[in-house]
Protein backbone atom coordinates (compact mmCIF):
# COMPACT_ATOMS: atom_id res chain seq x y z
CA MET A 1 -44.47 14.25 -76.61
CA ALA A 2 -41.61 15.98 -74.65
CA THR A 3 -40.91 15.39 -71.11
CA ARG A 4 -38.27 17.84 -70.89
CA LYS A 5 -37.22 20.71 -73.36
CA ASN A 6 -35.27 23.95 -73.06
CA PRO A 7 -37.95 26.51 -73.62
CA SER A 8 -35.17 29.12 -75.05
CA PRO A 9 -33.98 29.16 -78.79
CA ASP A 10 -31.97 26.89 -80.29
CA PRO A 11 -28.78 29.09 -81.15
CA ASP A 12 -28.25 26.99 -84.45
CA GLN A 13 -31.43 27.88 -86.04
CA PRO A 14 -30.95 30.23 -88.74
CA GLY A 15 -32.40 34.13 -88.36
CA ARG A 16 -31.41 36.32 -85.38
CA PRO A 17 -30.91 34.77 -82.00
CA GLY A 18 -34.20 34.85 -80.09
CA ASP A 19 -36.30 35.16 -83.13
CA ALA A 20 -37.64 31.61 -82.99
CA ALA A 21 -38.65 31.66 -79.22
CA VAL A 22 -40.52 35.28 -79.60
CA SER A 23 -42.04 34.31 -82.93
CA SER A 24 -43.77 31.34 -81.53
CA ALA A 25 -45.76 32.93 -78.84
CA GLU A 26 -49.00 33.34 -80.36
CA TRP A 27 -49.70 36.43 -77.99
CA LEU A 28 -47.18 38.68 -79.86
CA THR A 29 -48.84 38.10 -83.38
CA ASN A 30 -51.51 41.10 -83.10
CA GLU A 31 -53.83 38.88 -84.59
CA GLY A 32 -57.26 38.27 -83.30
CA GLU A 33 -60.26 40.36 -82.55
CA SER A 34 -59.47 44.14 -81.29
CA CYS A 35 -55.78 43.26 -81.70
CA ASP A 36 -55.32 47.27 -82.03
CA VAL A 37 -56.02 47.37 -78.29
CA VAL A 38 -55.95 43.91 -76.99
CA LEU A 39 -52.74 42.15 -77.02
CA SER A 40 -53.99 38.84 -75.24
CA SER A 41 -56.44 37.08 -73.34
CA ARG A 42 -56.27 34.76 -70.67
CA VAL A 43 -58.05 32.20 -68.69
CA ARG A 44 -56.53 30.57 -65.49
CA LEU A 45 -58.08 27.81 -63.36
CA ALA A 46 -56.63 26.97 -59.87
CA ARG A 47 -56.98 23.41 -58.38
CA ASN A 48 -55.69 21.26 -55.91
CA LEU A 49 -55.51 17.34 -55.33
CA ALA A 50 -57.73 15.56 -52.80
CA GLY A 51 -55.59 13.94 -50.05
CA HIS A 52 -52.75 16.43 -50.41
CA LEU A 53 -51.50 18.92 -48.10
CA PHE A 54 -51.99 22.59 -49.69
CA VAL A 55 -48.46 23.63 -51.16
CA HIS A 56 -47.62 26.18 -48.19
CA ARG A 57 -48.64 23.39 -45.46
CA ALA A 58 -46.47 20.71 -47.24
CA SER A 59 -43.21 19.39 -46.56
CA ARG A 60 -40.61 18.68 -49.53
CA ASP A 61 -41.69 14.95 -49.54
CA ASP A 62 -45.47 16.14 -49.89
CA ARG A 63 -44.64 18.55 -52.45
CA GLU A 64 -42.81 15.95 -54.45
CA ARG A 65 -45.44 13.53 -54.25
CA ALA A 66 -47.63 15.87 -55.79
CA LEU A 67 -45.45 16.82 -58.46
CA GLN A 68 -44.97 13.14 -59.29
CA THR A 69 -48.59 12.42 -59.44
CA CYS A 70 -49.51 15.43 -61.67
CA ARG A 71 -46.40 14.95 -64.36
CA ASP A 72 -47.78 11.54 -64.88
CA TRP A 73 -51.18 12.42 -65.59
CA ILE A 74 -50.07 15.78 -67.33
CA LEU A 75 -47.84 14.07 -70.02
CA GLY A 76 -50.45 11.28 -70.59
CA ALA A 77 -53.60 13.55 -70.91
CA ARG A 78 -53.06 14.53 -74.16
CA LEU A 79 -53.74 18.13 -73.59
CA CYS A 80 -51.97 19.18 -76.84
CA ASP A 81 -50.07 17.78 -79.75
CA ARG A 82 -46.64 18.62 -78.10
CA ILE A 83 -46.03 19.53 -74.48
CA MET A 84 -42.78 20.15 -73.05
CA TRP A 85 -41.86 19.66 -69.21
CA VAL A 86 -39.54 21.88 -67.00
CA ASP A 87 -38.56 20.86 -63.84
CA LEU A 88 -37.84 24.78 -62.34
CA HIS A 89 -36.19 23.27 -59.08
CA GLU A 90 -33.57 22.28 -61.52
CA SER A 91 -33.27 24.91 -63.95
CA PRO A 92 -31.19 27.89 -64.10
CA GLN A 93 -32.46 31.32 -62.91
CA LEU A 94 -31.96 32.99 -66.63
CA GLU A 95 -34.70 30.05 -67.84
CA ARG A 96 -36.86 30.83 -65.27
CA ASN A 97 -36.93 34.25 -65.82
CA LEU A 98 -37.32 33.63 -69.76
CA LEU A 99 -40.76 31.56 -68.65
CA VAL A 100 -41.89 34.56 -66.30
CA GLU A 101 -41.39 37.23 -69.12
CA ARG A 102 -43.21 34.67 -71.81
CA HIS A 103 -46.11 34.81 -68.81
CA LEU A 104 -45.86 31.00 -68.95
CA ILE A 105 -45.13 31.10 -65.11
CA SER A 106 -45.79 33.57 -62.27
CA LYS A 107 -42.74 35.13 -60.49
CA GLN A 108 -43.84 33.49 -57.26
CA LEU A 109 -43.43 30.10 -59.13
CA ALA A 110 -39.75 30.69 -60.67
CA LYS A 111 -38.37 32.02 -56.98
CA GLY A 112 -39.80 29.20 -55.33
CA LYS A 113 -40.20 29.20 -51.45
CA PRO A 114 -38.43 27.17 -48.69
CA ALA A 115 -40.07 23.88 -47.98
CA THR A 116 -39.71 22.08 -44.78
CA ALA A 117 -38.46 18.57 -44.29
CA ASN A 118 -37.73 16.81 -40.96
CA GLY A 119 -37.95 20.30 -39.15
CA ALA A 120 -35.30 21.71 -41.45
CA MET A 121 -35.49 24.30 -44.33
CA SER A 122 -34.54 23.11 -47.60
CA PRO A 123 -33.02 25.62 -50.28
CA PRO A 124 -35.55 27.20 -52.69
CA SER A 125 -33.63 25.73 -55.30
CA GLU A 126 -34.80 22.26 -54.05
CA GLU A 127 -38.35 22.86 -53.92
CA PRO A 128 -40.24 20.85 -56.37
CA ARG A 129 -41.84 22.80 -58.64
CA ALA A 130 -42.62 22.49 -62.41
CA VAL A 131 -44.59 23.67 -65.67
CA ALA A 132 -45.87 22.03 -68.53
CA VAL A 133 -46.25 24.00 -71.92
CA SER A 134 -47.34 23.46 -75.15
CA ILE A 135 -45.15 23.93 -78.26
CA PRO A 136 -44.62 25.91 -80.37
CA ASP A 137 -47.69 27.93 -79.95
CA GLU A 138 -47.37 28.37 -75.97
CA ARG A 139 -51.27 28.69 -75.59
CA LEU A 140 -51.34 26.29 -72.61
CA SER A 141 -49.33 26.31 -69.61
CA VAL A 142 -49.92 24.29 -66.61
CA MET A 143 -47.97 25.57 -63.26
CA VAL A 144 -47.32 22.69 -60.93
CA ASN A 145 -46.98 23.47 -56.97
CA GLU A 146 -47.19 27.17 -57.24
CA GLU A 147 -49.78 28.64 -54.77
CA ASP A 148 -51.82 25.75 -55.79
CA HIS A 149 -50.92 21.97 -56.94
CA LEU A 150 -52.11 23.18 -60.38
CA ARG A 151 -52.73 26.61 -62.24
CA LEU A 152 -53.77 25.74 -65.58
CA GLN A 153 -53.67 28.36 -68.24
CA ILE A 154 -54.90 29.39 -71.80
CA LEU A 155 -53.34 32.21 -73.48
CA ARG A 156 -54.41 34.00 -77.02
CA ALA A 157 -53.96 36.70 -79.01
CA GLY A 158 -56.71 39.28 -79.09
CA LEU A 159 -60.15 39.51 -77.61
CA SER A 160 -60.46 35.71 -77.34
CA LEU A 161 -62.07 34.91 -73.56
CA SER A 162 -64.52 32.54 -75.02
CA ASP A 163 -62.02 30.30 -77.02
CA CYS A 164 -59.80 30.61 -73.95
CA TRP A 165 -62.69 29.40 -71.60
CA ALA A 166 -63.58 26.43 -74.10
CA ARG A 167 -59.72 25.16 -74.51
CA ALA A 168 -59.22 25.69 -70.76
CA SER A 169 -62.60 23.93 -69.63
CA ALA A 170 -61.87 20.91 -72.12
CA ALA A 171 -57.91 20.55 -70.84
CA ASP A 172 -59.37 21.06 -67.24
CA ASP A 173 -61.82 17.88 -67.73
CA ARG A 174 -59.03 15.88 -69.22
CA LEU A 175 -57.02 16.53 -66.16
CA GLU A 176 -59.98 15.71 -63.75
CA ALA A 177 -60.51 12.54 -65.57
CA GLY A 178 -57.14 11.38 -64.12
CA LEU A 179 -56.65 13.44 -60.88
CA ASP A 180 -58.97 13.66 -57.93
CA TYR A 181 -59.59 17.25 -57.30
CA ALA A 182 -60.06 18.90 -53.91
CA PHE A 183 -64.22 19.69 -54.14
CA SER A 184 -66.62 21.06 -52.16
CA LYS A 185 -70.53 20.60 -53.10
CA ARG A 186 -71.26 23.73 -51.21
CA LEU A 187 -68.04 25.72 -51.70
CA GLY A 188 -67.11 24.28 -55.19
CA TYR A 189 -63.41 24.14 -55.93
CA LEU A 190 -61.00 24.39 -52.88
CA THR A 191 -57.82 26.55 -52.98
CA ALA A 192 -55.37 27.88 -50.98
CA CYS A 193 -56.26 31.43 -51.20
CA PRO A 194 -60.12 31.79 -50.00
CA THR A 195 -60.34 34.51 -52.84
CA ASN A 196 -60.45 31.78 -55.38
CA VAL A 197 -62.40 29.09 -53.79
CA GLY A 198 -65.53 28.35 -56.18
CA THR A 199 -64.98 28.06 -59.55
CA GLY A 200 -61.20 28.79 -59.14
CA MET A 201 -61.44 30.85 -62.26
CA ARG A 202 -59.54 34.03 -63.26
CA MET A 203 -60.35 35.64 -66.90
CA SER A 204 -57.98 38.35 -67.88
CA VAL A 205 -57.14 40.65 -70.88
CA MET A 206 -53.89 42.51 -71.53
CA LEU A 207 -54.87 46.13 -72.82
CA HIS A 208 -52.85 48.92 -74.52
CA LEU A 209 -54.31 51.75 -73.38
CA PRO A 210 -51.66 54.66 -74.16
CA ALA A 211 -54.54 57.15 -75.45
CA LEU A 212 -56.31 57.08 -72.34
CA LYS A 213 -52.98 57.67 -70.09
CA VAL A 214 -52.28 60.71 -72.38
CA THR A 215 -55.60 62.15 -71.99
CA GLY A 216 -55.70 61.45 -68.26
CA ASP A 217 -58.93 59.52 -68.29
CA ILE A 218 -57.05 55.92 -67.51
CA GLU A 219 -57.92 56.58 -63.60
CA LYS A 220 -61.72 56.78 -64.60
CA VAL A 221 -60.80 52.99 -66.16
CA LYS A 222 -59.45 52.23 -62.97
CA ARG A 223 -62.28 53.44 -60.65
CA ALA A 224 -65.06 51.97 -62.70
CA ALA A 225 -63.00 48.65 -63.08
CA ALA A 226 -63.20 48.70 -58.85
CA ASP A 227 -66.51 49.66 -58.91
CA MET A 228 -67.42 46.49 -61.02
CA ASN A 229 -65.10 44.22 -58.91
CA LEU A 230 -62.55 44.07 -61.11
CA ALA A 231 -58.62 43.95 -60.56
CA VAL A 232 -56.53 46.15 -62.89
CA ARG A 233 -52.94 44.95 -62.62
CA GLY A 234 -49.78 45.62 -64.69
CA PHE A 235 -47.94 43.85 -67.33
CA TYR A 236 -46.90 40.92 -64.88
CA GLY A 237 -50.24 41.06 -63.30
CA GLU A 238 -50.50 41.00 -59.29
CA GLY A 239 -48.02 43.63 -57.80
CA SER A 240 -46.63 44.50 -61.02
CA ASP A 241 -46.46 48.11 -62.37
CA ALA A 242 -48.37 49.14 -65.75
CA VAL A 243 -45.16 49.70 -67.74
CA GLY A 244 -45.79 50.41 -71.68
CA ASP A 245 -49.29 51.52 -70.86
CA LEU A 246 -50.09 47.65 -70.67
CA TYR A 247 -53.08 46.85 -68.18
CA GLN A 248 -54.86 43.62 -67.17
CA ILE A 249 -57.91 43.61 -66.40
CA SER A 250 -59.75 40.46 -64.38
CA ASN A 251 -62.43 39.40 -62.36
CA GLN A 252 -61.81 39.23 -58.83
CA THR A 253 -65.35 37.09 -58.48
CA THR A 254 -64.89 33.04 -58.14
CA LEU A 255 -67.40 32.24 -55.69
CA GLY A 256 -71.49 32.35 -56.23
CA LYS A 257 -70.96 33.65 -59.93
CA PRO A 258 -70.71 30.68 -62.59
CA GLU A 259 -68.09 30.75 -65.35
CA GLY A 260 -70.37 31.67 -68.26
CA ALA A 261 -71.54 34.79 -66.23
CA VAL A 262 -67.92 36.09 -65.78
CA LEU A 263 -67.49 35.44 -69.33
CA ALA A 264 -70.44 37.34 -70.69
CA ASP A 265 -69.65 40.36 -68.48
CA LEU A 266 -66.01 40.83 -69.70
CA GLN A 267 -66.21 39.52 -73.17
CA ASP A 268 -69.62 40.88 -74.28
CA ALA A 269 -69.74 43.98 -71.79
CA ILE A 270 -67.10 45.65 -70.03
CA ILE A 271 -63.73 45.01 -72.21
CA PRO A 272 -65.72 46.09 -75.60
CA GLU A 273 -66.32 49.12 -73.49
CA VAL A 274 -62.93 49.88 -72.35
CA ILE A 275 -61.72 49.29 -76.06
CA GLN A 276 -64.01 51.86 -77.52
CA TYR A 277 -63.26 54.29 -74.74
CA GLU A 278 -59.37 53.74 -75.99
CA ARG A 279 -60.25 54.20 -79.17
CA HIS A 280 -62.27 57.57 -78.79
CA ALA A 281 -59.31 59.06 -77.16
CA ARG A 282 -57.24 58.08 -80.11
CA LYS A 283 -59.57 59.65 -82.13
CA SER A 284 -59.89 62.72 -80.01
CA LEU A 285 -55.90 63.04 -80.19
CA MET A 286 -55.76 62.70 -83.57
CA GLY A 287 -58.39 65.40 -84.22
CA LYS A 288 -58.10 68.03 -81.39
CA ARG A 289 -54.16 67.50 -80.45
CA ARG A 290 -52.63 65.80 -83.42
CA ALA A 291 -49.46 67.90 -83.65
CA ALA A 292 -48.70 67.25 -80.02
CA LEU A 293 -49.28 63.33 -80.58
CA GLU A 294 -47.20 63.54 -83.43
CA ASP A 295 -44.65 64.92 -81.43
CA GLN A 296 -44.39 62.42 -78.69
CA VAL A 297 -44.67 59.40 -81.16
CA PHE A 298 -41.69 60.62 -83.24
CA ARG A 299 -39.44 61.88 -80.09
CA ALA A 300 -40.25 58.28 -79.02
CA LEU A 301 -39.15 56.60 -82.33
CA GLY A 302 -36.10 58.93 -82.59
CA ALA A 303 -35.16 57.81 -78.81
CA LEU A 304 -35.30 54.20 -79.69
CA ARG A 305 -33.27 54.77 -82.90
CA TYR A 306 -30.61 56.53 -81.24
CA ALA A 307 -30.42 56.27 -77.72
CA ARG A 308 -27.28 54.33 -76.23
CA LEU A 309 -28.57 53.43 -72.92
CA LEU A 310 -31.97 52.24 -72.39
CA ALA A 311 -33.57 51.17 -68.94
CA ALA A 312 -36.24 48.48 -69.60
CA ASP A 313 -39.13 50.27 -68.28
CA GLU A 314 -37.81 53.36 -70.38
CA ALA A 315 -37.80 51.31 -73.72
CA MET A 316 -41.48 49.93 -72.79
CA GLN A 317 -42.90 53.64 -72.59
CA LEU A 318 -41.24 54.70 -75.80
CA LEU A 319 -42.36 51.42 -77.61
CA SER A 320 -45.81 52.15 -76.15
CA LEU A 321 -45.85 55.42 -78.31
CA VAL A 322 -44.29 53.83 -81.22
CA ARG A 323 -47.05 51.02 -81.45
CA LEU A 324 -49.69 53.78 -81.21
CA GLY A 325 -48.31 55.49 -84.06
CA VAL A 326 -47.89 52.43 -85.86
CA VAL A 327 -51.65 51.50 -85.07
CA LEU A 328 -52.77 54.97 -86.04
CA GLY A 329 -50.73 55.22 -89.41
CA LEU A 330 -48.50 57.59 -88.22
CA ILE A 331 -45.41 55.54 -88.53
CA ASP A 332 -44.63 53.53 -91.88
CA GLY A 333 -42.30 51.02 -92.62
CA LEU A 334 -42.91 49.02 -89.02
CA SER A 335 -45.61 46.58 -88.00
CA VAL A 336 -47.26 46.18 -85.03
CA GLN A 337 -46.17 42.72 -84.38
CA ALA A 338 -42.36 43.71 -84.74
CA VAL A 339 -43.25 46.43 -81.74
CA ASN A 340 -45.04 43.87 -79.56
CA GLN A 341 -41.80 41.20 -79.77
CA LEU A 342 -39.81 44.06 -78.86
CA PHE A 343 -41.73 44.65 -75.53
CA LEU A 344 -40.65 41.09 -74.56
CA LEU A 345 -37.02 41.37 -76.09
CA VAL A 346 -36.10 44.27 -74.12
CA GLN A 347 -36.79 42.36 -70.96
CA PRO A 348 -33.71 41.25 -68.76
CA ALA A 349 -33.82 37.57 -69.39
CA HIS A 350 -34.79 37.72 -73.18
CA LEU A 351 -32.22 40.43 -73.92
CA GLN A 352 -29.70 38.42 -72.42
CA ARG A 353 -30.62 35.14 -74.34
CA VAL A 354 -30.87 37.22 -77.52
CA LEU A 355 -27.27 38.60 -76.78
CA GLY A 356 -25.89 35.27 -75.85
CA LYS A 357 -24.40 36.43 -72.36
CA GLU A 358 -25.26 37.10 -69.00
CA MET A 359 -24.90 41.11 -68.13
CA ASP A 360 -25.25 43.37 -65.32
CA GLN A 361 -27.66 46.31 -65.02
CA GLU A 362 -25.55 48.77 -66.87
CA GLN A 363 -24.34 46.24 -69.65
CA ARG A 364 -28.04 45.43 -70.23
CA ARG A 365 -28.81 49.11 -70.63
CA ILE A 366 -26.14 49.29 -73.53
CA GLY A 367 -27.32 45.92 -74.85
CA ARG A 368 -31.02 47.03 -75.02
CA ALA A 369 -30.30 50.20 -76.92
CA ALA A 370 -27.96 48.65 -79.42
CA LEU A 371 -30.65 45.58 -79.98
CA ILE A 372 -33.51 48.16 -80.71
CA ARG A 373 -31.47 50.65 -82.96
CA GLU A 374 -30.70 47.32 -85.14
CA ARG A 375 -34.19 45.97 -85.19
CA LEU A 376 -35.60 49.82 -86.13
CA LYS A 377 -33.14 50.47 -88.62
């Protein structure tokens, strides 16, 4: 069981640089139920330690003690066969950005916040925070000292919320066997943000909804989700845009509604309905607007194969149309998994890791276009 390991790929491994890291992320494999629409499912649990101040109220010393307590138990709790521990306050920015892009930590945890110590402000780079990640599958991650002391996450490919919840619950039980959680018999698990009090659980599904975007019906989905007290967010969750027609739908109720009820609503009713809505839109486009759809798909493929400059958001939108074309059988010789991997490789940190150097924005636009051209030969 590893206590410290660089999450980036080994440059000495055979194959293209970065292939090992990308292929190890299970949610990119295009496996699991309804994988034509659903990229991934996630269950996240927020927990805090009894007898410790919440992270936003704690001093640097308080956070260090909480970090040490969590680290000792996480590394000894046998949450998985192999686990890597990364002290983020000691990690370079590129490494932290890689973990954000892989959906293993939040932007907040990557950035950190100044912690007070003896009345003075400590630099964010010194703020004690970390993440534990199962390797090589990256199904499990545990963020330490984010908004809460612990944010436990299970991430799987396809529509697999039931499996995610079972694994998250089992891992939570193992953690609770050695850690004293802040818990109220009346309110449930106590969290830094009142919206997480109760179960402390958020279930979410990452969906690819390009047909609903093309038909203009995506706003209906957003309004329906809001009416059901669900959150619809972008590729990186809260505060992010839906680049590449990728949307996260998650529950917002954590108090007064048990985990099983939330699971039943999302897994068995709400998400399947959205999936069928997207599939119906795809079928309608193929039947009534096929020429226009093919034009969009092949224009996108042509741009990706020949462009010399590509921004990340532009690349994601073009890849979205190409993925739709592959799923619908319009494009031969390209797998959905390869497109899923490109969704990740075109992100700034992964692009720089693959190309082996740090680059400014203009250099990244050139490098991104060259990488995609090479991959789509």
